[in-house]
Each structure stands twice: as structure tokens, then as C-alpha cells.
Amino acid sequence: MSFAPIFVIPAQAGIQYNQPMRINKYIASCTGYSRRKAEELVLAGRIKIAPFSACPALTNSARVIPAHQRSGKHPAGIQPTAQLVTNLATEVNPLDKVYFDDKLIMPKSLVYYALNKPVGYTTTTSDPHAEKLITELVPSDPPVFPVGRLDKDTSGLIFLTNDGDFAQKMTHPRYEKEKEYAVETDKPLSKESLNKLRRGIKLNDGMTAPAEIRPLAKGRTLGKHSRHSDASFCHSREGGNPAHKNNLYSITIHEGKNRQIRRMIEAIGAEVVSLKRIRIGDFKLGNLEEGECKKFDSTSF
């Protein structure tokens, strides 16, 4: 027996959609999880649908999405058991409620922030050992999470959002989003070293893809108010070292290996003095001040 996909029409909180919504997308819109993660929550039996009149405890609700009933072609990865066919409609009534771990989940406004992360902030939403979290630099309502990461000693552009789909689009390798960094090294890089970076570097976790690298204008440093050739503004925790003024490069990659730029530079016999991300895709850091965030519209991506 085959079953029609389950959809949700989220009409709570005055939010209306022009067409039915797949259950995994609905969950993503409520929680910030990606759609794939939402499917995993459904499969784990953590998502429940109850009639509007049902009590929050859901003790007598028959409208429970069964766990471990997977169908690869099903949009939410779920196929109802025969026993629940009569209780699981093709479309969930707009007055029905969807619960995650017995807590009502409702669509929320999606927000997107671009942040100029300072050195010294940890890229996470919680860490008992971190002195400063980047979430302290953005509004707390609604809660958001960082898209990708920048290590504690790296500054520059990072996105924060509560949109799991957007985060997936920005970080999944198949989308190959370019990330450009301004890198200050402890010594000039030879032509041979630059060519190695352009061909790809062998690291302990595999080869890197070829990087784009070019020297930035001589005489520029990573001082607080200096600008390089594409007008993105850079800053070093050291305040810019005049001894390294000719050791400034633009490196563009589309991967996300841990501390990748630093390890690439180490592999060619140099060290990173300062590292700042200045672009993600077509989005440039520009004149965004250090520690400052601004909202943006995700439709440009």
C-alpha cells in the first residue's frame, strides 16, 4: 500500500502560506534545524501532531508520526503504518498543532546577521570554557546560531541566523561558496610557495582544493583603519606590524577544513600573523566595524 505525503499548513500565530508545507520544512522553520535534521527528528519519534483540542501531554493522541517508518521517496522520510492511515490525513488541518519533545513549535521570523567577528570570541552558542561568545554581539531574540565557524584567533565576516536551510546552503560542500581571507604572514611567500597553494596543499586530512591567492597592495598593513585593494577593511589584534607590511595576501577557498588557511601556510614553511575573512560568496565585509553586526536579506544568495 502507498501513502500520500504528509504536509503541514502552518496557520498558527497568524502566519499563512499560499500552499501546503512539507513537515520537514515546517520543523526547520520552527527550530532552525536543517530539513535533513528535521527528518531525523521525525524518524526518532520526537515530532508529534495533535488536534487543536488535544492537551499538551498528548497522552491519548493517535496523530503521532511513527518512528522508523522510512520511505526514500517520501519528502519527510516517513511512511505511516496501516494502523494509523485513518488518523494521519494527507494534509494536517491548519488548526492542528505540531510538537517537538512535547513542546509546541510554531513558525518564527527568520533573521540573518552579518558580523565582523573580533579576535578572542569563540564561534559557538554555548561553551562553559569560552570567555566570550559571538552570540553576545548580536540580538538575543530570536536566538541565532553561527553559520560555519571562525577560530578564536581569526576575525572577520561570519553569518548568524535561525534558518537551518540557509546555513546548509552556505556550508555544504556541494554549493562551493567562496570564502576570501586577508592573510598576513611572518615573511614574504615565494613564487614557488604561491604556486603550491594554487595547486593544492597536502594536509593530514587530505589535499586541499586549489586556492586563489594574490598579494595585496604593498605598504598596506592589517591596521585598524587600513584598506586593501578591494576596499574591505582589515584589523589585526597586534594592530598591524610594519615589519610585515609586504606580507599581506588575499586567499580564496571554498572548503571548510578546520584551521585550513593556517595549516596551508604552515605547510609551505611560513606562519600566519593575522587572518581575517573579508568575503563569503558575493557578500563583502566592507566597512562593517569590528564587533558590529547588521541584518541582511538572504534572497541575495
Protein backbone atom coordinates (compact mmCIF):
# COMPACT_ATOMS: atom_id res chain seq x y z
CA MET A 1 0.00 0.00 0.00
CA SER A 2 1.30 3.50 -0.81
CA PHE A 3 0.53 6.64 1.12
CA ALA A 4 0.37 10.29 0.19
CA PRO A 5 2.99 12.61 1.66
CA ILE A 6 2.17 14.36 4.91
CA PHE A 7 2.03 18.13 4.70
CA VAL A 8 1.54 20.85 7.27
CA ILE A 9 -0.30 24.11 6.67
CA PRO A 10 1.11 26.31 9.46
CA ALA A 11 -1.69 28.73 10.27
CA GLN A 12 -0.74 29.39 13.88
CA ALA A 13 0.33 32.82 15.06
CA GLY A 14 -1.29 34.45 12.06
CA ILE A 15 1.38 33.12 9.69
CA GLN A 16 -0.14 31.97 6.40
CA TYR A 17 1.39 30.21 3.42
CA ASN A 18 -0.05 30.01 -0.09
CA GLN A 19 0.48 26.27 -0.32
CA PRO A 20 0.91 23.26 1.95
CA MET A 21 4.31 22.84 3.52
CA ARG A 22 6.26 19.61 3.94
CA ILE A 23 6.62 18.55 7.53
CA ASN A 24 10.42 18.70 7.47
CA LYS A 25 10.39 22.26 6.14
CA TYR A 26 7.87 23.26 8.77
CA ILE A 27 10.04 21.85 11.54
CA ALA A 28 13.06 23.64 10.09
CA SER A 29 11.13 26.92 10.06
CA CYS A 30 10.29 26.47 13.74
CA THR A 31 13.55 25.19 15.16
CA GLY A 32 16.41 26.36 12.97
CA TYR A 33 17.39 22.76 12.19
CA SER A 34 18.08 21.81 8.58
CA ARG A 35 15.41 19.81 6.75
CA ARG A 36 17.59 16.71 6.90
CA LYS A 37 17.95 17.08 10.66
CA ALA A 38 14.19 17.58 10.85
CA GLU A 39 13.72 14.23 9.10
CA GLU A 40 15.96 12.62 11.70
CA LEU A 41 13.82 14.11 14.47
CA VAL A 42 10.71 12.69 12.85
CA LEU A 43 12.32 9.28 12.45
CA ALA A 44 13.35 9.36 16.10
CA GLY A 45 9.71 9.85 17.12
CA ARG A 46 10.36 13.31 18.57
CA ILE A 47 7.80 15.11 16.41
CA LYS A 48 4.09 14.72 17.14
CA ILE A 49 0.98 16.17 15.55
CA ALA A 50 -2.13 16.61 17.66
CA PRO A 51 -5.61 18.01 17.02
CA PHE A 52 -6.08 21.58 18.17
CA SER A 53 -8.20 20.42 21.09
CA ALA A 54 -5.64 17.90 22.35
CA CYS A 55 -3.90 18.53 25.63
CA PRO A 56 -0.15 19.28 25.51
CA ALA A 57 0.65 15.97 27.18
CA LEU A 58 -0.58 14.17 24.04
CA THR A 59 -1.28 11.08 26.12
CA ASN A 60 -4.27 10.00 24.04
CA SER A 61 -3.27 11.41 20.68
CA ALA A 62 -3.45 8.99 17.76
CA ARG A 63 -1.84 11.54 15.45
CA VAL A 64 1.72 10.59 16.32
CA ILE A 65 4.15 10.27 13.42
CA PRO A 66 5.58 6.75 13.77
CA ALA A 67 9.34 6.40 14.11
CA HIS A 68 11.45 4.11 11.92
CA GLN A 69 8.95 4.06 9.04
CA ARG A 70 11.13 5.35 6.24
CA SER A 71 10.39 5.77 2.57
CA GLY A 72 13.21 7.21 0.47
CA LYS A 73 10.80 9.00 -1.88
CA HIS A 74 8.77 10.50 0.93
CA PRO A 75 9.58 14.19 1.44
CA ALA A 76 9.86 13.79 5.18
CA GLY A 77 11.29 10.27 5.09
CA ILE A 78 8.14 8.90 6.75
CA GLN A 79 5.51 6.44 5.64
CA PRO A 80 2.57 5.90 8.00
CA THR A 81 1.75 2.43 9.24
CA ALA A 82 -1.54 0.93 8.06
CA GLN A 83 -2.97 1.22 11.57
CA LEU A 84 -2.60 4.99 11.52
CA VAL A 85 -3.74 5.70 7.97
CA THR A 86 -7.18 6.77 9.09
CA ASN A 87 -5.70 9.11 11.69
CA LEU A 88 -2.98 10.70 9.56
CA ALA A 89 -4.59 12.81 6.87
CA THR A 90 -2.85 13.69 3.62
CA GLU A 91 -2.77 17.24 4.87
CA VAL A 92 -2.68 18.22 8.51
CA ASN A 93 -5.52 20.50 9.47
CA PRO A 94 -4.38 24.12 9.88
CA LEU A 95 -5.76 24.03 13.40
CA ASP A 96 -3.62 21.06 14.35
CA LYS A 97 -0.53 21.61 16.46
CA VAL A 98 2.96 20.24 15.95
CA TYR A 99 5.07 19.30 18.97
CA PHE A 100 8.80 18.74 19.34
CA ASP A 101 9.57 16.77 22.51
CA ASP A 102 6.03 17.61 23.68
CA LYS A 103 6.67 21.34 23.30
CA LEU A 104 4.58 23.29 20.84
CA ILE A 105 6.62 24.56 17.89
CA MET A 106 5.41 27.42 15.76
CA PRO A 107 6.83 29.22 12.71
CA LYS A 108 9.10 32.10 13.60
CA SER A 109 10.54 35.05 11.79
CA LEU A 110 13.82 34.21 10.12
CA VAL A 111 16.67 36.62 10.73
CA TYR A 112 20.11 36.93 9.15
CA TYR A 113 23.06 38.84 10.61
CA ALA A 114 26.47 39.61 9.16
CA LEU A 115 29.01 40.08 11.95
CA ASN A 116 32.56 41.41 11.91
CA LYS A 117 33.91 38.98 14.49
CA PRO A 118 36.76 40.29 16.65
CA VAL A 119 39.69 38.13 17.68
CA GLY A 120 39.10 36.43 21.05
CA TYR A 121 35.47 35.42 20.50
CA THR A 122 34.51 31.75 20.27
CA THR A 123 32.25 30.71 17.42
CA THR A 124 29.53 28.80 19.25
CA THR A 125 26.25 29.39 21.05
CA SER A 126 27.45 27.90 24.35
CA ASP A 127 30.79 26.87 25.81
CA PRO A 128 31.47 26.86 29.57
CA HIS A 129 35.18 27.32 28.89
CA ALA A 130 34.86 30.25 26.48
CA GLU A 131 35.44 33.75 27.78
CA LYS A 132 33.42 35.43 25.03
CA LEU A 133 30.84 34.05 22.56
CA ILE A 134 29.97 35.63 19.23
CA THR A 135 26.27 35.37 20.11
CA GLU A 136 26.93 38.13 22.66
CA LEU A 137 27.45 40.51 19.72
CA VAL A 138 24.02 40.01 18.10
CA PRO A 139 20.44 40.47 19.37
CA SER A 140 19.31 37.60 21.61
CA ASP A 141 15.71 37.46 20.37
CA PRO A 142 15.16 35.38 18.36
CA PRO A 143 18.09 33.11 19.25
CA VAL A 144 20.51 32.53 16.37
CA PHE A 145 23.48 30.28 15.67
CA PRO A 146 26.69 30.82 13.68
CA VAL A 147 26.90 29.62 10.09
CA GLY A 148 30.19 27.77 9.86
CA ARG A 149 32.99 28.91 12.10
CA LEU A 150 35.98 31.14 12.58
CA ASP A 151 38.56 30.07 15.13
CA LYS A 152 39.19 32.21 18.19
CA ASP A 153 42.26 33.89 16.69
CA THR A 154 40.59 34.68 13.36
CA SER A 155 38.46 37.76 12.79
CA GLY A 156 36.11 38.95 10.11
CA LEU A 157 32.88 38.09 8.35
CA ILE A 158 30.57 35.42 9.72
CA PHE A 159 26.82 34.93 9.39
CA LEU A 160 24.40 34.13 12.21
CA THR A 161 20.82 33.03 11.64
CA ASN A 162 17.96 30.85 12.85
CA ASP A 163 17.40 29.48 9.33
CA GLY A 164 18.72 25.93 9.03
CA ASP A 165 18.19 25.82 5.26
CA PHE A 166 20.29 28.94 4.78
CA ALA A 167 23.05 27.52 6.97
CA GLN A 168 23.06 24.33 4.91
CA LYS A 169 23.29 26.32 1.68
CA MET A 170 26.23 28.34 3.00
CA THR A 171 28.25 25.44 4.42
CA HIS A 172 27.57 22.29 2.39
CA PRO A 173 30.49 21.46 0.06
CA ARG A 174 28.24 20.97 -2.97
CA TYR A 175 27.40 24.69 -3.02
CA GLU A 176 31.11 25.64 -3.09
CA LYS A 177 30.66 29.09 -1.56
CA GLU A 178 33.85 31.09 -1.95
CA LYS A 179 35.44 32.49 1.21
CA GLU A 180 38.10 35.15 0.87
CA TYR A 181 40.61 35.98 3.58
CA ALA A 182 43.18 38.70 4.11
CA VAL A 183 46.26 36.91 5.44
CA GLU A 184 49.33 38.48 6.98
CA THR A 185 52.34 36.13 7.09
CA ASP A 186 55.60 36.32 9.03
CA LYS A 187 57.63 36.52 5.82
CA PRO A 188 57.04 37.04 2.11
CA LEU A 189 55.83 33.96 0.24
CA SER A 190 57.99 32.84 -2.66
CA LYS A 191 56.62 32.33 -6.13
CA GLU A 192 57.06 28.58 -5.61
CA SER A 193 55.04 28.73 -2.38
CA LEU A 194 52.27 30.69 -4.07
CA ASN A 195 52.09 28.11 -6.86
CA LYS A 196 51.86 25.29 -4.33
CA LEU A 197 48.85 26.97 -2.76
CA ARG A 198 47.29 27.41 -6.19
CA ARG A 199 47.75 23.72 -6.97
CA GLY A 200 46.54 22.44 -3.61
CA ILE A 201 48.34 21.52 -0.39
CA LYS A 202 48.52 18.07 1.16
CA LEU A 203 47.36 18.23 4.79
CA ASN A 204 46.97 15.42 7.28
CA ASP A 205 43.26 15.19 6.43
CA GLY A 206 43.74 15.21 2.66
CA MET A 207 44.54 17.51 -0.24
CA THR A 208 43.07 20.95 -0.35
CA ALA A 209 41.41 22.20 -3.49
CA PRO A 210 43.37 24.78 -5.47
CA ALA A 211 43.25 28.20 -3.82
CA GLU A 212 43.23 31.61 -5.44
CA ILE A 213 45.98 33.78 -3.98
CA ARG A 214 47.29 37.21 -4.82
CA PRO A 215 49.45 39.77 -3.00
CA LEU A 216 47.58 42.78 -1.69
CA ALA A 217 48.85 46.30 -2.25
CA LYS A 218 52.33 46.88 -0.85
CA GLY A 219 52.51 49.24 2.09
CA ARG A 220 49.14 48.08 3.41
CA THR A 221 49.03 46.55 6.88
CA LEU A 222 46.24 44.97 8.84
CA GLY A 223 45.92 48.08 10.96
CA LYS A 224 42.51 49.06 12.33
CA HIS A 225 41.58 51.56 9.63
CA SER A 226 43.65 50.34 6.70
CA ARG A 227 42.00 49.20 3.49
CA HIS A 228 43.27 46.85 0.84
CA SER A 229 42.65 46.85 -2.88
CA ASP A 230 39.04 45.66 -2.83
CA ALA A 231 38.02 48.10 -0.10
CA SER A 232 37.36 45.50 2.62
CA PHE A 233 38.58 46.65 5.99
CA CYS A 234 41.03 44.55 8.00
CA HIS A 235 42.21 44.50 11.56
CA SER A 236 44.89 42.65 13.48
CA ARG A 237 44.98 42.04 17.20
CA GLU A 238 48.58 43.26 17.05
CA GLY A 239 47.34 46.47 15.41
CA GLY A 240 49.31 45.78 12.26
CA ASN A 241 53.04 45.04 12.24
CA PRO A 242 55.06 47.35 9.96
CA ALA A 243 57.68 44.61 9.62
CA HIS A 244 55.08 42.52 7.76
CA LYS A 245 53.69 45.30 5.58
CA ASN A 246 54.61 43.50 2.36
CA ASN A 247 53.41 40.10 3.57
CA LEU A 248 49.69 40.64 3.04
CA TYR A 249 47.77 38.32 0.71
CA SER A 250 44.25 37.57 -0.42
CA ILE A 251 43.46 33.85 -0.30
CA THR A 252 40.15 32.49 -1.60
CA ILE A 253 38.97 28.94 -0.87
CA HIS A 254 35.61 27.16 -0.99
CA GLU A 255 36.28 24.44 1.56
CA GLY A 256 35.87 24.46 5.32
CA LYS A 257 38.58 22.28 6.83
CA ASN A 258 39.47 23.08 10.42
CA ARG A 259 42.00 25.97 10.59
CA GLN A 260 42.60 25.39 6.89
CA ILE A 261 44.32 28.64 5.94
CA ARG A 262 46.70 28.47 8.90
CA ARG A 263 47.64 24.87 8.12
CA MET A 264 48.14 25.64 4.43
CA ILE A 265 50.54 28.45 5.27
CA GLU A 266 52.39 26.27 7.77
CA ALA A 267 52.74 23.55 5.12
CA ILE A 268 54.77 25.91 2.92
CA GLY A 269 57.09 26.94 5.77
CA ALA A 270 55.53 30.20 6.93
CA GLU A 271 53.22 31.28 9.76
CA VAL A 272 50.05 33.34 9.88
CA VAL A 273 50.44 36.55 11.83
CA SER A 274 46.87 37.71 11.31
CA LEU A 275 43.86 36.29 9.50
CA LYS A 276 40.58 37.99 8.60
CA ARG A 277 37.71 36.74 6.46
CA ILE A 278 36.59 39.53 4.17
CA ARG A 279 34.09 37.89 1.82
CA ILE A 280 31.60 34.99 1.63
CA GLY A 281 30.24 34.47 -1.89
CA ASP A 282 29.35 37.93 -3.16
CA PHE A 283 28.88 39.33 0.34
CA LYS A 284 31.81 41.58 1.36
CA LEU A 285 32.73 42.68 4.84
CA GLY A 286 33.18 46.19 3.55
CA ASN A 287 33.09 48.91 6.20
CA LEU A 288 31.35 46.89 8.92
CA GLU A 289 33.12 47.88 12.14
CA GLU A 290 34.77 45.27 14.32
CA GLY A 291 32.22 43.78 16.72
CA GLU A 292 29.33 45.27 14.71
CA CYS A 293 26.54 43.28 13.08
CA LYS A 294 23.89 44.16 10.54
CA LYS A 295 20.79 42.45 9.22
CA PHE A 296 20.63 41.41 5.60
CA ASP A 297 18.19 39.79 3.18
CA SER A 298 19.02 36.15 2.40
CA THR A 299 17.33 36.30 -1.01
CA SER A 300 20.54 37.73 -2.47
CA PHE A 301 22.11 34.30 -2.03
